[in-house]
Amino acid sequence: MLSLAKLLLPVDFSERSIGAARYARALALHFQSEVLAVHALPPLYSDIGGMEVTGSMLVDVYRTRAAGAEKELEVFAAAHLAGVKVRRLVLNGDPASQIVDLAHSEGAGVVLMPTHGYGPFRRFILGSNTAKVLHDADCPVWTGVHMETPPGDAPIPLRRVLCAIDLGPHSARTLAWAAFLSREFQAALTIVHAVTAHAESLDEPDRSWRAGIREAAEEELRKLQREAGTDAGVQLEAGEAAKVICAAAGRLPADVLVIGRGSAAGTFGRLRTNAYAIIRQSPCPVVSV
């Protein structure tokens, strides 16, 4: 059984963190979750540069940094996580490693964090911490470029859930998570699959081959739905996975997109290589399972 008893919320005190906190609060209120609000202090050398700090001075610097972060975290939680159970944690070390280790040790149901991209190319990159967490965390990661701008004060809607399935070995878990979310919020569930493109003869396109691929995909999706106990609408479209999936999210419009980031094998599996592109381009939050 899936559980969201604990939600891990990395906080860097930026506007991006405020956006992530609003989603964490919405989930925590619904599931009666505990939010682990964590701020990771990077290694000291990143703050003091070439300064030589040793002995008691080094201890004082650590204490001062930690005390300041604890106070900021207290203020942040009071402002943006009101009404939910919050445990505040200040850790020392590489932020991505600390987040992943904490998620594993605490059994977090999901990590919520923004992409943290910068500059005119932000839609083409992910921040290094987010990329590392996506790569290493075992639990789902809720993220997206939209979280760089906090949503308004109105309740966050979860009325339409889109699940992108690549038909690889991770697909059942991905659909199970999307179905769980849709049931909890009584949201409409839709499945999208980008049918594999194939290099065809320019003189005589093999239409029967294309029809066979589509039929095989439809059968696999029916099997997955039977196993998951779902009866979702299905959208199949040929093309580049990221473009097909993000376009479908825009058309619905989806309130959240669930994808699998663990699949790499299988006849149809393509989402792993496209997960970052989907996250960068999606018009809604993305949960990578």
C-alpha atoms as a PDB file:
ATOM      1  CA  MET A   1       0.000   0.000   0.000  1.00  0.00           C
ATOM      2  CA  LEU A   2       1.325   3.428  -0.924  1.00  0.00           C
ATOM      3  CA  SER A   3       1.882   5.851   1.928  1.00  0.00           C
ATOM      4  CA  LEU A   4       2.463   9.573   2.143  1.00  0.00           C
ATOM      5  CA  ALA A   5       2.814   9.620   5.933  1.00  0.00           C
ATOM      6  CA  LYS A   6       6.068  11.562   5.570  1.00  0.00           C
ATOM      7  CA  LEU A   7       6.820  14.258   3.000  1.00  0.00           C
ATOM      8  CA  LEU A   8      10.350  15.551   2.567  1.00  0.00           C
ATOM      9  CA  LEU A   9      10.598  19.248   1.714  1.00  0.00           C
ATOM     10  CA  PRO A  10      14.097  20.620   1.020  1.00  0.00           C
ATOM     11  CA  VAL A  11      14.139  24.357   1.790  1.00  0.00           C
ATOM     12  CA  ASP A  12      16.646  26.890   0.504  1.00  0.00           C
ATOM     13  CA  PHE A  13      14.478  29.891   1.560  1.00  0.00           C
ATOM     14  CA  SER A  14      13.956  31.004  -2.048  1.00  0.00           C
ATOM     15  CA  GLU A  15      10.732  31.725  -3.913  1.00  0.00           C
ATOM     16  CA  ARG A  16      11.076  28.255  -5.400  1.00  0.00           C
ATOM     17  CA  SER A  17      10.892  26.745  -1.927  1.00  0.00           C
ATOM     18  CA  ILE A  18       7.695  28.647  -1.210  1.00  0.00           C
ATOM     19  CA  GLY A  19       6.059  27.097  -4.264  1.00  0.00           C
ATOM     20  CA  ALA A  20       7.158  23.601  -3.224  1.00  0.00           C
ATOM     21  CA  ALA A  21       5.941  24.240   0.325  1.00  0.00           C
ATOM     22  CA  ARG A  22       2.432  25.033  -0.896  1.00  0.00           C
ATOM     23  CA  TYR A  23       2.218  21.657  -2.630  1.00  0.00           C
ATOM     24  CA  ALA A  24       3.674  19.931   0.436  1.00  0.00           C
ATOM     25  CA  ARG A  25       1.093  21.596   2.666  1.00  0.00           C
ATOM     26  CA  ALA A  26      -1.784  20.611   0.369  1.00  0.00           C
ATOM     27  CA  LEU A  27      -0.666  16.966   0.421  1.00  0.00           C
ATOM     28  CA  ALA A  28      -0.007  17.021   4.174  1.00  0.00           C
ATOM     29  CA  LEU A  29      -3.468  18.392   4.944  1.00  0.00           C
ATOM     30  CA  HIS A  30      -5.085  15.687   2.818  1.00  0.00           C
ATOM     31  CA  PHE A  31      -3.026  12.732   4.044  1.00  0.00           C
ATOM     32  CA  GLN A  32      -2.381  13.989   7.599  1.00  0.00           C
ATOM     33  CA  SER A  33       1.315  13.743   6.777  1.00  0.00           C
ATOM     34  CA  GLU A  34       4.358  14.868   8.693  1.00  0.00           C
ATOM     35  CA  VAL A  35       6.448  17.330   6.687  1.00  0.00           C
ATOM     36  CA  LEU A  36      10.199  17.043   7.120  1.00  0.00           C
ATOM     37  CA  ALA A  37      11.380  20.559   6.331  1.00  0.00           C
ATOM     38  CA  VAL A  38      15.111  20.250   5.803  1.00  0.00           C
ATOM     39  CA  HIS A  39      17.840  22.758   5.041  1.00  0.00           C
ATOM     40  CA  ALA A  40      21.255  21.392   4.158  1.00  0.00           C
ATOM     41  CA  LEU A  41      24.219  23.617   4.930  1.00  0.00           C
ATOM     42  CA  PRO A  42      26.840  23.116   2.207  1.00  0.00           C
ATOM     43  CA  PRO A  43      30.449  22.372   3.146  1.00  0.00           C
ATOM     44  CA  LEU A  44      32.051  25.279   4.945  1.00  0.00           C
ATOM     45  CA  TYR A  45      34.678  25.913   2.272  1.00  0.00           C
ATOM     46  CA  SER A  46      31.950  27.047  -0.124  1.00  0.00           C
ATOM     47  CA  ASP A  47      31.145  29.936   2.225  1.00  0.00           C
ATOM     48  CA  ILE A  48      34.575  31.034   3.411  1.00  0.00           C
ATOM     49  CA  GLY A  49      36.542  30.480   0.210  1.00  0.00           C
ATOM     50  CA  GLY A  50      40.261  30.745   0.771  1.00  0.00           C
ATOM     51  CA  MET A  51      40.032  32.005   4.368  1.00  0.00           C
ATOM     52  CA  GLU A  52      41.984  29.920   6.855  1.00  0.00           C
ATOM     53  CA  VAL A  53      39.649  28.950   9.666  1.00  0.00           C
ATOM     54  CA  THR A  54      40.688  26.383  12.248  1.00  0.00           C
ATOM     55  CA  GLY A  55      40.087  25.283  15.834  1.00  0.00           C
ATOM     56  CA  SER A  56      37.559  27.118  17.977  1.00  0.00           C
ATOM     57  CA  MET A  57      36.882  29.639  15.211  1.00  0.00           C
ATOM     58  CA  LEU A  58      35.728  26.810  12.953  1.00  0.00           C
ATOM     59  CA  VAL A  59      33.370  25.516  15.651  1.00  0.00           C
ATOM     60  CA  ASP A  60      31.931  28.995  16.117  1.00  0.00           C
ATOM     61  CA  VAL A  61      31.324  29.382  12.393  1.00  0.00           C
ATOM     62  CA  TYR A  62      29.467  26.050  12.261  1.00  0.00           C
ATOM     63  CA  ARG A  63      27.349  26.966  15.277  1.00  0.00           C
ATOM     64  CA  THR A  64      26.515  30.397  13.899  1.00  0.00           C
ATOM     65  CA  ARG A  65      25.507  28.999  10.510  1.00  0.00           C
ATOM     66  CA  ALA A  66      23.382  26.277  12.068  1.00  0.00           C
ATOM     67  CA  ALA A  67      21.640  28.650  14.483  1.00  0.00           C
ATOM     68  CA  GLY A  68      20.826  31.075  11.672  1.00  0.00           C
ATOM     69  CA  ALA A  69      19.439  28.303   9.478  1.00  0.00           C
ATOM     70  CA  GLU A  70      17.342  26.884  12.319  1.00  0.00           C
ATOM     71  CA  LYS A  71      15.774  30.288  12.931  1.00  0.00           C
ATOM     72  CA  GLU A  72      15.087  30.832   9.228  1.00  0.00           C
ATOM     73  CA  LEU A  73      13.547  27.380   8.979  1.00  0.00           C
ATOM     74  CA  GLU A  74      11.291  28.097  11.954  1.00  0.00           C
ATOM     75  CA  VAL A  75      10.063  31.316  10.345  1.00  0.00           C
ATOM     76  CA  PHE A  76       9.605  29.598   6.974  1.00  0.00           C
ATOM     77  CA  ALA A  77       7.548  26.762   8.457  1.00  0.00           C
ATOM     78  CA  ALA A  78       5.322  29.142  10.389  1.00  0.00           C
ATOM     79  CA  ALA A  79       4.636  31.194   7.267  1.00  0.00           C
ATOM     80  CA  HIS A  80       4.172  28.451   4.684  1.00  0.00           C
ATOM     81  CA  LEU A  81       3.325  25.199   6.496  1.00  0.00           C
ATOM     82  CA  ALA A  82       0.683  26.351   8.948  1.00  0.00           C
ATOM     83  CA  GLY A  83      -1.762  23.735  10.160  1.00  0.00           C
ATOM     84  CA  VAL A  84       0.393  20.682   9.435  1.00  0.00           C
ATOM     85  CA  LYS A  85       2.833  18.651  11.523  1.00  0.00           C
ATOM     86  CA  VAL A  86       6.363  19.832  10.751  1.00  0.00           C
ATOM     87  CA  ARG A  87       9.730  18.495  11.822  1.00  0.00           C
ATOM     88  CA  ARG A  88      12.551  20.943  11.076  1.00  0.00           C
ATOM     89  CA  LEU A  89      16.024  19.612  10.328  1.00  0.00           C
ATOM     90  CA  VAL A  90      19.294  21.430   9.601  1.00  0.00           C
ATOM     91  CA  LEU A  91      21.955  19.142   8.141  1.00  0.00           C
ATOM     92  CA  ASN A  92      25.567  19.645   7.120  1.00  0.00           C
ATOM     93  CA  GLY A  93      27.039  18.447   3.842  1.00  0.00           C
ATOM     94  CA  ASP A  94      26.288  18.141   0.163  1.00  0.00           C
ATOM     95  CA  PRO A  95      22.571  19.057  -0.148  1.00  0.00           C
ATOM     96  CA  ALA A  96      21.620  16.392  -2.699  1.00  0.00           C
ATOM     97  CA  SER A  97      23.325  13.600  -0.748  1.00  0.00           C
ATOM     98  CA  GLN A  98      21.751  14.754   2.509  1.00  0.00           C
ATOM     99  CA  ILE A  99      18.284  14.874   0.926  1.00  0.00           C
ATOM    100  CA  VAL A 100      18.573  11.396  -0.580  1.00  0.00           C
ATOM    101  CA  ASP A 101      19.995   9.867   2.610  1.00  0.00           C
ATOM    102  CA  LEU A 102      17.252  11.434   4.718  1.00  0.00           C
ATOM    103  CA  ALA A 103      14.529  10.281   2.317  1.00  0.00           C
ATOM    104  CA  HIS A 104      15.834   6.714   2.590  1.00  0.00           C
ATOM    105  CA  SER A 105      16.346   6.687   6.365  1.00  0.00           C
ATOM    106  CA  GLU A 106      12.961   8.279   7.118  1.00  0.00           C
ATOM    107  CA  GLY A 107      11.016   6.299   4.539  1.00  0.00           C
ATOM    108  CA  ALA A 108       9.669   9.458   2.934  1.00  0.00           C
ATOM    109  CA  GLY A 109       6.710   8.933   0.620  1.00  0.00           C
ATOM    110  CA  VAL A 110       7.755  11.730  -1.705  1.00  0.00           C
ATOM    111  CA  VAL A 111      10.355  14.505  -2.011  1.00  0.00           C
ATOM    112  CA  LEU A 112       9.026  17.890  -3.139  1.00  0.00           C
ATOM    113  CA  MET A 113      11.497  20.292  -4.725  1.00  0.00           C
ATOM    114  CA  PRO A 114      11.734  22.770  -7.616  1.00  0.00           C
ATOM    115  CA  THR A 115      14.062  22.362 -10.571  1.00  0.00           C
ATOM    116  CA  HIS A 116      16.241  25.320  -9.586  1.00  0.00           C
ATOM    117  CA  GLY A 117      17.317  26.234 -13.113  1.00  0.00           C
ATOM    118  CA  TYR A 118      18.808  29.655 -13.841  1.00  0.00           C
ATOM    119  CA  GLY A 119      19.116  32.127 -16.674  1.00  0.00           C
ATOM    120  CA  PRO A 120      17.711  32.192 -20.219  1.00  0.00           C
ATOM    121  CA  PHE A 121      18.342  28.452 -20.620  1.00  0.00           C
ATOM    122  CA  ARG A 122      16.489  27.386 -17.454  1.00  0.00           C
ATOM    123  CA  ARG A 123      13.951  25.334 -19.450  1.00  0.00           C
ATOM    124  CA  PHE A 124      16.806  23.284 -20.911  1.00  0.00           C
ATOM    125  CA  ILE A 125      18.580  22.434 -17.638  1.00  0.00           C
ATOM    126  CA  LEU A 126      17.862  21.120 -14.189  1.00  0.00           C
ATOM    127  CA  GLY A 127      19.632  22.314 -11.096  1.00  0.00           C
ATOM    128  CA  SER A 128      22.376  19.925 -10.036  1.00  0.00           C
ATOM    129  CA  ASN A 129      20.746  19.121  -6.677  1.00  0.00           C
ATOM    130  CA  THR A 130      17.409  18.266  -8.265  1.00  0.00           C
ATOM    131  CA  ALA A 131      19.092  16.150 -10.928  1.00  0.00           C
ATOM    132  CA  LYS A 132      21.028  14.209  -8.287  1.00  0.00           C
ATOM    133  CA  VAL A 133      17.927  13.603  -6.183  1.00  0.00           C
ATOM    134  CA  LEU A 134      15.992  12.431  -9.227  1.00  0.00           C
ATOM    135  CA  HIS A 135      18.814  10.047 -10.066  1.00  0.00           C
ATOM    136  CA  ASP A 136      19.425   8.620  -6.588  1.00  0.00           C
ATOM    137  CA  ALA A 137      16.175   8.748  -4.597  1.00  0.00           C
ATOM    138  CA  ASP A 138      14.121   5.577  -4.323  1.00  0.00           C
ATOM    139  CA  CYS A 139      10.879   7.385  -3.518  1.00  0.00           C
ATOM    140  CA  PRO A 140       8.865   9.537  -5.948  1.00  0.00           C
ATOM    141  CA  VAL A 141      10.086  13.099  -6.529  1.00  0.00           C
ATOM    142  CA  TRP A 142       7.537  15.886  -7.074  1.00  0.00           C
ATOM    143  CA  THR A 143       9.076  18.730  -9.049  1.00  0.00           C
ATOM    144  CA  GLY A 144       8.712  21.035 -12.047  1.00  0.00           C
ATOM    145  CA  VAL A 145       9.786  24.372 -13.475  1.00  0.00           C
ATOM    146  CA  HIS A 146       6.399  25.841 -12.523  1.00  0.00           C
ATOM    147  CA  MET A 147       7.444  25.627  -8.861  1.00  0.00           C
ATOM    148  CA  GLU A 148       9.917  28.443  -9.428  1.00  0.00           C
ATOM    149  CA  THR A 149       6.883  30.727  -9.244  1.00  0.00           C
ATOM    150  CA  PRO A 150       4.746  30.070  -6.174  1.00  0.00           C
ATOM    151  CA  PRO A 151       1.081  29.366  -6.920  1.00  0.00           C
ATOM    152  CA  GLY A 152      -1.528  31.799  -5.629  1.00  0.00           C
ATOM    153  CA  ASP A 153      -3.306  31.615  -2.284  1.00  0.00           C
ATOM    154  CA  ALA A 154      -6.281  29.645  -3.631  1.00  0.00           C
ATOM    155  CA  PRO A 155      -6.422  25.902  -2.817  1.00  0.00           C
ATOM    156  CA  ILE A 156      -4.251  23.831  -5.143  1.00  0.00           C
ATOM    157  CA  PRO A 157      -6.528  21.760  -7.397  1.00  0.00           C
ATOM    158  CA  LEU A 158      -5.892  18.115  -8.211  1.00  0.00           C
ATOM    159  CA  ARG A 159      -8.774  17.363 -10.559  1.00  0.00           C
ATOM    160  CA  ARG A 160      -6.965  15.817 -13.520  1.00  0.00           C
ATOM    161  CA  VAL A 161      -4.067  13.363 -13.254  1.00  0.00           C
ATOM    162  CA  LEU A 162      -2.122  12.407 -16.369  1.00  0.00           C
ATOM    163  CA  CYS A 163       0.006   9.259 -16.280  1.00  0.00           C
ATOM    164  CA  ALA A 164       2.701   8.786 -18.926  1.00  0.00           C
ATOM    165  CA  ILE A 165       3.408   5.108 -19.544  1.00  0.00           C
ATOM    166  CA  ASP A 166       6.386   3.825 -21.546  1.00  0.00           C
ATOM    167  CA  LEU A 167       5.393   0.132 -21.246  1.00  0.00           C
ATOM    168  CA  GLY A 168       8.751  -0.718 -19.719  1.00  0.00           C
ATOM    169  CA  PRO A 169       9.133  -2.811 -16.536  1.00  0.00           C
ATOM    170  CA  HIS A 170       8.501   0.215 -14.295  1.00  0.00           C
ATOM    171  CA  SER A 171       5.088   0.978 -15.817  1.00  0.00           C
ATOM    172  CA  ALA A 172       2.950  -0.921 -13.310  1.00  0.00           C
ATOM    173  CA  ARG A 173       4.421   1.029 -10.402  1.00  0.00           C
ATOM    174  CA  THR A 174       3.954   4.312 -12.239  1.00  0.00           C
ATOM    175  CA  LEU A 175       0.301   3.600 -13.004  1.00  0.00           C
ATOM    176  CA  ALA A 176      -0.320   2.401  -9.438  1.00  0.00           C
ATOM    177  CA  TRP A 177       0.977   5.721  -8.072  1.00  0.00           C
ATOM    178  CA  ALA A 178      -1.110   7.767 -10.508  1.00  0.00           C
ATOM    179  CA  ALA A 179      -4.211   5.692  -9.711  1.00  0.00           C
ATOM    180  CA  PHE A 180      -3.600   6.144  -5.981  1.00  0.00           C
ATOM    181  CA  LEU A 181      -3.368   9.916  -6.371  1.00  0.00           C
ATOM    182  CA  SER A 182      -6.468  10.112  -8.563  1.00  0.00           C
ATOM    183  CA  ARG A 183      -8.526   8.015  -6.133  1.00  0.00           C
ATOM    184  CA  GLU A 184      -7.443  10.056  -3.125  1.00  0.00           C
ATOM    185  CA  PHE A 185      -8.425  13.349  -4.754  1.00  0.00           C
ATOM    186  CA  GLN A 186     -11.315  11.933  -6.830  1.00  0.00           C
ATOM    187  CA  ALA A 187      -9.504  13.185  -9.897  1.00  0.00           C
ATOM    188  CA  ALA A 188      -9.984  12.071 -13.489  1.00  0.00           C
ATOM    189  CA  LEU A 189      -7.150   9.790 -14.610  1.00  0.00           C
ATOM    190  CA  THR A 190      -5.834   9.770 -18.186  1.00  0.00           C
ATOM    191  CA  ILE A 191      -3.008   7.653 -19.619  1.00  0.00           C
ATOM    192  CA  VAL A 192      -0.743   8.864 -22.409  1.00  0.00           C
ATOM    193  CA  HIS A 193       1.704   6.755 -24.395  1.00  0.00           C
ATOM    194  CA  ALA A 194       4.061   8.015 -27.080  1.00  0.00           C
ATOM    195  CA  VAL A 195       4.088   5.308 -29.742  1.00  0.00           C
ATOM    196  CA  THR A 196       7.594   4.413 -30.823  1.00  0.00           C
ATOM    197  CA  ALA A 197       8.691   6.113 -34.018  1.00  0.00           C
ATOM    198  CA  HIS A 198      10.435   3.911 -36.588  1.00  0.00           C
ATOM    199  CA  ALA A 199      12.628   4.565 -39.581  1.00  0.00           C
ATOM    200  CA  GLU A 200      10.471   3.518 -42.518  1.00  0.00           C
ATOM    201  CA  SER A 201      11.151   3.254 -46.209  1.00  0.00           C
ATOM    202  CA  LEU A 202      10.426   6.580 -47.847  1.00  0.00           C
ATOM    203  CA  ASP A 203       9.123   4.727 -50.911  1.00  0.00           C
ATOM    204  CA  GLU A 204       6.764   2.271 -49.217  1.00  0.00           C
ATOM    205  CA  PRO A 205       5.853   3.076 -45.597  1.00  0.00           C
ATOM    206  CA  ASP A 206       4.991  -0.133 -43.772  1.00  0.00           C
ATOM    207  CA  ARG A 207       1.495   0.756 -42.564  1.00  0.00           C
ATOM    208  CA  SER A 208       0.847  -2.750 -41.272  1.00  0.00           C
ATOM    209  CA  TRP A 209       3.964  -2.481 -39.087  1.00  0.00           C
ATOM    210  CA  ARG A 210       2.731   0.779 -37.603  1.00  0.00           C
ATOM    211  CA  ALA A 211      -0.708  -0.707 -36.968  1.00  0.00           C
ATOM    212  CA  GLY A 212       0.890  -3.699 -35.276  1.00  0.00           C
ATOM    213  CA  ILE A 213       2.931  -1.503 -32.951  1.00  0.00           C
ATOM    214  CA  ARG A 214      -0.159   0.454 -31.985  1.00  0.00           C
ATOM    215  CA  GLU A 215      -2.194  -2.690 -31.358  1.00  0.00           C
ATOM    216  CA  ALA A 216       0.585  -4.150 -29.206  1.00  0.00           C
ATOM    217  CA  ALA A 217       0.754  -0.929 -27.168  1.00  0.00           C
ATOM    218  CA  GLU A 218      -3.022  -0.903 -26.700  1.00  0.00           C
ATOM    219  CA  GLU A 219      -2.985  -4.508 -25.482  1.00  0.00           C
ATOM    220  CA  GLU A 220      -0.168  -3.812 -23.019  1.00  0.00           C
ATOM    221  CA  LEU A 221      -2.051  -0.795 -21.681  1.00  0.00           C
ATOM    222  CA  ARG A 222      -5.235  -2.835 -21.244  1.00  0.00           C
ATOM    223  CA  LYS A 223      -3.259  -5.428 -19.295  1.00  0.00           C
ATOM    224  CA  LEU A 224      -1.712  -2.766 -17.058  1.00  0.00           C
ATOM    225  CA  GLN A 225      -5.107  -1.230 -16.399  1.00  0.00           C
ATOM    226  CA  ARG A 226      -6.608  -4.600 -15.458  1.00  0.00           C
ATOM    227  CA  GLU A 227      -3.782  -5.209 -12.997  1.00  0.00           C
ATOM    228  CA  ALA A 228      -4.120  -1.695 -11.531  1.00  0.00           C
ATOM    229  CA  GLY A 229      -7.919  -1.831 -11.384  1.00  0.00           C
ATOM    230  CA  THR A 230      -8.263   1.311 -13.469  1.00  0.00           C
ATOM    231  CA  ASP A 231     -10.391   2.272 -16.446  1.00  0.00           C
ATOM    232  CA  ALA A 232      -8.680   5.469 -17.521  1.00  0.00           C
ATOM    233  CA  GLY A 233      -8.966   7.146 -20.876  1.00  0.00           C
ATOM    234  CA  VAL A 234      -5.976   6.445 -23.101  1.00  0.00           C
ATOM    235  CA  GLN A 235      -4.207   8.754 -25.548  1.00  0.00           C
ATOM    236  CA  LEU A 236      -1.758   7.199 -28.031  1.00  0.00           C
ATOM    237  CA  GLU A 237       0.239   9.409 -30.337  1.00  0.00           C
ATOM    238  CA  ALA A 238       3.342   8.838 -32.441  1.00  0.00           C
ATOM    239  CA  GLY A 239       6.225  11.207 -31.883  1.00  0.00           C
ATOM    240  CA  GLU A 240       8.950  12.333 -29.539  1.00  0.00           C
ATOM    241  CA  ALA A 241       8.008  11.259 -26.018  1.00  0.00           C
ATOM    242  CA  ALA A 242       8.581  14.582 -24.226  1.00  0.00           C
ATOM    243  CA  LYS A 243       6.641  16.583 -26.823  1.00  0.00           C
ATOM    244  CA  VAL A 244       3.742  14.110 -26.979  1.00  0.00           C
ATOM    245  CA  ILE A 245       3.409  13.882 -23.184  1.00  0.00           C
ATOM    246  CA  CYS A 246       3.736  17.592 -22.449  1.00  0.00           C
ATOM    247  CA  ALA A 247       1.286  18.450 -25.221  1.00  0.00           C
ATOM    248  CA  ALA A 248      -1.212  16.018 -23.699  1.00  0.00           C
ATOM    249  CA  ALA A 249      -0.701  17.636 -20.274  1.00  0.00           C
ATOM    250  CA  GLY A 250      -1.468  21.023 -21.793  1.00  0.00           C
ATOM    251  CA  ARG A 251      -4.579  19.851 -23.617  1.00  0.00           C
ATOM    252  CA  LEU A 252      -6.293  18.288 -20.586  1.00  0.00           C
ATOM    253  CA  PRO A 253      -5.100  20.475 -18.813  1.00  0.00           C
ATOM    254  CA  ALA A 254      -3.456  18.213 -16.212  1.00  0.00           C
ATOM    255  CA  ASP A 255      -2.968  19.333 -12.624  1.00  0.00           C
ATOM    256  CA  VAL A 256      -0.188  16.803 -12.148  1.00  0.00           C
ATOM    257  CA  LEU A 257       1.757  14.502 -14.474  1.00  0.00           C
ATOM    258  CA  VAL A 258       3.056  11.152 -13.204  1.00  0.00           C
ATOM    259  CA  ILE A 259       5.968   9.553 -15.047  1.00  0.00           C
ATOM    260  CA  GLY A 260       8.332   6.649 -14.405  1.00  0.00           C
ATOM    261  CA  ARG A 261      12.006   7.465 -14.220  1.00  0.00           C
ATOM    262  CA  GLY A 262      13.241   3.939 -13.550  1.00  0.00           C
ATOM    263  CA  SER A 263      12.407   2.285 -16.871  1.00  0.00           C
ATOM    264  CA  ALA A 264      15.103   1.800 -19.449  1.00  0.00           C
ATOM    265  CA  ALA A 265      14.377  -1.646 -20.845  1.00  0.00           C
ATOM    266  CA  GLY A 266      11.489  -3.210 -22.693  1.00  0.00           C
ATOM    267  CA  THR A 267      10.240  -2.944 -26.252  1.00  0.00           C
ATOM    268  CA  PHE A 268       8.591   0.417 -25.651  1.00  0.00           C
ATOM    269  CA  GLY A 269      10.594   1.869 -22.750  1.00  0.00           C
ATOM    270  CA  ARG A 270      11.752   5.403 -23.474  1.00  0.00           C
ATOM    271  CA  LEU A 271      10.753   7.566 -20.530  1.00  0.00           C
ATOM    272  CA  ARG A 272      13.985   7.280 -18.581  1.00  0.00           C
ATOM    273  CA  THR A 273      15.964   9.037 -21.277  1.00  0.00           C
ATOM    274  CA  ASN A 274      13.183  11.617 -21.619  1.00  0.00           C
ATOM    275  CA  ALA A 275      12.372  12.222 -17.947  1.00  0.00           C
ATOM    276  CA  TYR A 276      14.443  15.409 -17.620  1.00  0.00           C
ATOM    277  CA  ALA A 277      13.023  16.835 -20.851  1.00  0.00           C
ATOM    278  CA  ILE A 278       9.476  16.108 -19.665  1.00  0.00           C
ATOM    279  CA  ILE A 279      10.105  17.804 -16.321  1.00  0.00           C
ATOM    280  CA  ARG A 280      11.599  20.861 -18.020  1.00  0.00           C
ATOM    281  CA  GLN A 281       8.748  21.248 -20.518  1.00  0.00           C
ATOM    282  CA  SER A 282       5.697  20.133 -18.554  1.00  0.00           C
ATOM    283  CA  PRO A 283       3.037  22.808 -17.948  1.00  0.00           C
ATOM    284  CA  CYS A 284       2.169  21.198 -14.593  1.00  0.00           C
ATOM    285  CA  PRO A 285       3.966  19.519 -11.677  1.00  0.00           C
ATOM    286  CA  VAL A 286       5.679  16.210 -12.459  1.00  0.00           C
ATOM    287  CA  VAL A 287       5.874  13.269 -10.097  1.00  0.00           C
ATOM    288  CA  SER A 288       8.753  10.996 -11.107  1.00  0.00           C
ATOM    289  CA  VAL A 289       8.136   7.525  -9.700  1.00  0.00           C
END
